[in-house]
Amino acid sequence: MTGRQTVRRTRHPRRGRTILAFAFVIAAAVFGALMLQKYELRRSPPQVPPQAQESGTVLVTLFFAAADSTELVREGREVDACEDTAGCIEEVIMELAGGPLGDLAPTLPPATTVRGVQVTGDQAVIDLGREFVDGLPSGSAAEMLAAYSLVDTVVINFPQIRQVSFLVEGQPVQTLRGHLDLSRPLTADFTLEQKAAVPSPAR
């Protein structure tokens, strides 16, 4: 009887330590998971449509040309909210084709038509009507401003889109008017944007 009692006394502390250690590991894992979840939420906040208005409209950014240079300038525009990404892109492009409201210069011919937009992954394929190409002024500057005003406008308003390809009347094109290479998708180029003037220090 004494031997059995001695064995039981030596097992109890060991079992207690094991249970305590196991409970500590579980608690640490739960705490770690909660902290990781909190960190992820901070790093990737829920996606909320930017600049949503109570009236059912959203503010979008359009890129037009500066009146006195070959640079792009942003203009805000309020448009109707929509849910389908391809349809929304088409609406924004038509706003761009409608021209600026202020003193900026248009980048797209006013007769521009969008035959359709396809979104696959991070790429948008924009099918433009022949009027777009025919209405472009000659010269590499006009071609570049037209293409990148489209690309920059799409990318900045639809962050899930990172590259844009162009079709004309449903067919791939190598260039618009013989200058800018469109054989590959274009990515946004905000270096074409006009930089804000830095005020001179007061004397």
Protein backbone atom coordinates (compact mmCIF):
# COMPACT_ATOMS: atom_id res chain seq x y z
CA MET A 1 0.00 0.00 0.00
CA THR A 2 2.84 2.37 0.86
CA GLY A 3 4.54 1.78 -2.48
CA ARG A 4 1.37 2.51 -4.43
CA GLN A 5 0.78 5.69 -2.48
CA THR A 6 4.34 6.83 -3.20
CA VAL A 7 3.87 6.26 -6.95
CA ARG A 8 0.65 8.25 -7.01
CA ARG A 9 2.26 11.16 -5.17
CA THR A 10 5.13 11.37 -7.67
CA ARG A 11 2.78 11.34 -10.72
CA HIS A 12 0.42 14.11 -9.60
CA PRO A 13 2.89 17.04 -9.83
CA ARG A 14 4.13 15.86 -13.24
CA ARG A 15 0.60 15.58 -14.61
CA GLY A 16 -0.26 19.00 -13.21
CA ARG A 17 2.80 20.56 -14.84
CA THR A 18 1.92 18.95 -18.17
CA ILE A 19 -1.64 20.26 -18.06
CA LEU A 20 -0.43 23.71 -17.07
CA ALA A 21 2.14 23.78 -19.88
CA PHE A 22 -0.49 22.62 -22.40
CA ALA A 23 -2.92 25.30 -21.24
CA PHE A 24 -0.18 27.92 -21.55
CA VAL A 25 0.59 26.86 -25.14
CA ILE A 26 -3.12 27.01 -26.07
CA ALA A 27 -3.49 30.46 -24.49
CA ALA A 28 -0.38 31.74 -26.28
CA ALA A 29 -1.64 30.41 -29.61
CA VAL A 30 -5.04 32.05 -29.18
CA PHE A 31 -3.44 35.34 -28.15
CA GLY A 32 -1.06 35.18 -31.10
CA ALA A 33 -3.93 34.51 -33.52
CA LEU A 34 -5.90 37.46 -32.18
CA MET A 35 -2.90 39.78 -32.51
CA LEU A 36 -2.22 38.55 -36.06
CA GLN A 37 -5.85 39.13 -37.02
CA LYS A 38 -5.72 42.65 -35.59
CA TYR A 39 -2.51 43.35 -37.53
CA GLU A 40 -3.97 42.07 -40.80
CA LEU A 41 -7.06 44.25 -40.37
CA ARG A 42 -4.86 47.29 -39.90
CA ARG A 43 -2.73 46.43 -42.91
CA SER A 44 -5.64 45.51 -45.19
CA PRO A 45 -8.72 47.48 -44.09
CA PRO A 46 -12.08 46.48 -45.58
CA GLN A 47 -12.47 47.76 -49.12
CA VAL A 48 -15.00 50.59 -49.14
CA PRO A 49 -15.84 52.45 -52.37
CA PRO A 50 -13.84 55.72 -52.14
CA GLN A 51 -15.60 59.05 -52.17
CA ALA A 52 -19.08 57.53 -52.14
CA GLN A 53 -21.80 60.16 -51.93
CA GLU A 54 -25.16 59.82 -50.22
CA SER A 55 -26.90 60.86 -53.46
CA GLY A 56 -25.84 57.65 -55.21
CA THR A 57 -22.88 59.19 -57.01
CA VAL A 58 -19.11 58.83 -56.71
CA LEU A 59 -16.22 61.16 -57.35
CA VAL A 60 -13.84 59.99 -60.05
CA THR A 61 -10.54 61.38 -61.28
CA LEU A 62 -10.13 62.11 -64.99
CA PHE A 63 -6.86 62.98 -66.72
CA PHE A 64 -6.96 65.76 -69.32
CA ALA A 65 -4.18 67.70 -70.99
CA ALA A 66 -2.74 70.92 -69.68
CA ALA A 67 -3.73 73.81 -71.93
CA ASP A 68 -0.13 75.02 -72.33
CA SER A 69 1.89 71.79 -72.31
CA THR A 70 1.93 68.10 -73.19
CA GLU A 71 1.31 67.01 -69.61
CA LEU A 72 -1.70 65.47 -67.92
CA VAL A 73 -3.72 67.20 -65.22
CA ARG A 74 -6.36 65.71 -62.93
CA GLU A 75 -9.96 66.86 -62.85
CA GLY A 76 -12.58 65.57 -60.42
CA ARG A 77 -15.98 64.56 -61.73
CA GLU A 78 -19.11 63.30 -60.00
CA VAL A 79 -20.74 60.35 -61.77
CA ASP A 80 -23.50 57.88 -61.00
CA ALA A 81 -22.44 54.96 -58.83
CA CYS A 82 -22.44 51.50 -60.40
CA GLU A 83 -21.49 47.96 -59.43
CA ASP A 84 -20.30 46.20 -62.60
CA THR A 85 -16.60 47.00 -63.06
CA ALA A 86 -16.61 46.74 -66.86
CA GLY A 87 -19.70 48.94 -67.15
CA CYS A 88 -18.25 51.45 -64.70
CA ILE A 89 -15.02 51.67 -66.69
CA GLU A 90 -17.01 52.34 -69.85
CA GLU A 91 -18.95 55.14 -68.15
CA VAL A 92 -15.77 56.77 -66.86
CA ILE A 93 -14.18 56.63 -70.32
CA MET A 94 -17.23 58.31 -71.83
CA GLU A 95 -16.91 61.06 -69.21
CA LEU A 96 -13.30 61.47 -70.31
CA ALA A 97 -14.37 61.65 -73.95
CA GLY A 98 -16.87 64.36 -73.03
CA GLY A 99 -13.97 66.70 -72.34
CA PRO A 100 -12.97 68.84 -69.36
CA LEU A 101 -15.24 71.22 -67.50
CA GLY A 102 -12.51 73.72 -66.73
CA ASP A 103 -9.60 75.24 -68.64
CA LEU A 104 -7.89 71.96 -69.52
CA ALA A 105 -7.70 70.49 -73.01
CA PRO A 106 -9.42 67.27 -74.13
CA THR A 107 -7.30 64.19 -74.83
CA LEU A 108 -9.90 62.05 -76.66
CA PRO A 109 -11.88 62.93 -79.78
CA PRO A 110 -15.45 63.95 -78.83
CA ALA A 111 -16.83 61.29 -81.19
CA THR A 112 -15.08 58.49 -79.25
CA THR A 113 -17.25 55.43 -78.70
CA VAL A 114 -16.61 52.44 -76.46
CA ARG A 115 -17.76 49.19 -78.04
CA GLY A 116 -17.13 47.23 -74.88
CA VAL A 117 -14.84 46.58 -71.92
CA GLN A 118 -13.61 43.20 -70.72
CA VAL A 119 -11.99 42.70 -67.32
CA THR A 120 -9.80 39.65 -66.72
CA GLY A 121 -7.83 39.57 -63.50
CA ASP A 122 -5.93 42.85 -63.23
CA GLN A 123 -6.29 43.69 -66.92
CA ALA A 124 -8.94 45.74 -68.71
CA VAL A 125 -9.35 45.38 -72.46
CA ILE A 126 -11.04 48.45 -73.99
CA ASP A 127 -12.62 48.09 -77.42
CA LEU A 128 -12.84 51.51 -79.05
CA GLY A 129 -14.69 52.55 -82.18
CA ARG A 130 -12.88 53.68 -85.35
CA GLU A 131 -13.94 57.26 -84.57
CA PHE A 132 -11.40 57.32 -81.76
CA VAL A 133 -8.44 56.69 -84.06
CA ASP A 134 -9.74 58.82 -86.93
CA GLY A 135 -10.34 61.79 -84.65
CA LEU A 136 -6.88 61.83 -83.07
CA PRO A 137 -4.61 64.71 -84.13
CA SER A 138 -1.40 63.65 -85.84
CA GLY A 139 1.81 63.48 -83.84
CA SER A 140 3.28 61.32 -81.10
CA ALA A 141 2.32 63.74 -78.30
CA ALA A 142 -1.41 63.58 -79.08
CA GLU A 143 -1.24 59.79 -79.34
CA MET A 144 0.59 59.41 -76.02
CA LEU A 145 -1.73 61.82 -74.19
CA ALA A 146 -4.81 60.01 -75.49
CA ALA A 147 -3.54 56.56 -74.53
CA TYR A 148 -2.20 57.47 -71.10
CA SER A 149 -5.13 59.69 -70.16
CA LEU A 150 -7.23 56.56 -70.69
CA VAL A 151 -4.87 54.22 -68.84
CA ASP A 152 -4.20 56.53 -65.90
CA THR A 153 -7.91 57.33 -65.54
CA VAL A 154 -8.87 53.64 -65.46
CA VAL A 155 -6.09 52.57 -63.09
CA ILE A 156 -6.54 55.37 -60.56
CA ASN A 157 -10.31 54.85 -60.30
CA PHE A 158 -10.22 51.05 -60.33
CA PRO A 159 -7.25 49.94 -58.18
CA GLN A 160 -7.84 46.29 -59.07
CA ILE A 161 -6.86 47.15 -62.66
CA ARG A 162 -3.11 47.38 -63.22
CA GLN A 163 -2.82 47.19 -67.01
CA VAL A 164 -4.92 48.20 -70.00
CA SER A 165 -5.04 46.83 -73.55
CA PHE A 166 -6.73 48.43 -76.56
CA LEU A 167 -8.78 47.05 -79.40
CA VAL A 168 -10.18 49.06 -82.30
CA GLU A 169 -13.38 47.69 -83.82
CA GLY A 170 -12.72 44.45 -81.98
CA GLN A 171 -9.23 43.97 -83.41
CA PRO A 172 -5.82 44.23 -81.69
CA VAL A 173 -3.73 47.21 -82.79
CA GLN A 174 0.02 47.74 -82.79
CA THR A 175 -0.29 51.55 -82.52
CA LEU A 176 -3.00 54.18 -82.78
CA ARG A 177 -1.36 56.52 -85.30
CA GLY A 178 2.05 54.90 -85.80
CA HIS A 179 3.86 56.04 -82.65
CA LEU A 180 3.06 54.44 -79.27
CA ASP A 181 3.56 50.67 -79.10
CA LEU A 182 0.31 48.99 -78.08
CA SER A 183 1.32 45.42 -78.84
CA ARG A 184 1.54 44.87 -75.06
CA PRO A 185 -0.74 46.09 -72.27
CA LEU A 186 0.07 49.53 -70.88
CA THR A 187 0.49 50.30 -67.21
CA ALA A 188 -0.19 53.70 -65.64
CA ASP A 189 2.48 56.35 -66.06
CA PHE A 190 1.96 59.17 -63.62
CA THR A 191 5.28 60.77 -64.58
CA LEU A 192 3.33 62.37 -67.42
CA GLU A 193 1.29 64.29 -64.87
CA GLN A 194 2.00 67.98 -64.47
CA LYS A 195 3.77 68.68 -61.21
CA ALA A 196 2.35 71.32 -58.90
CA ALA A 197 4.39 74.51 -58.93
CA VAL A 198 6.49 75.04 -55.82
CA PRO A 199 6.06 78.58 -54.48
CA SER A 200 9.22 80.63 -54.23
CA PRO A 201 10.35 81.41 -50.68
CA ALA A 202 9.36 84.87 -49.44
CA ARG A 203 12.14 87.40 -49.30
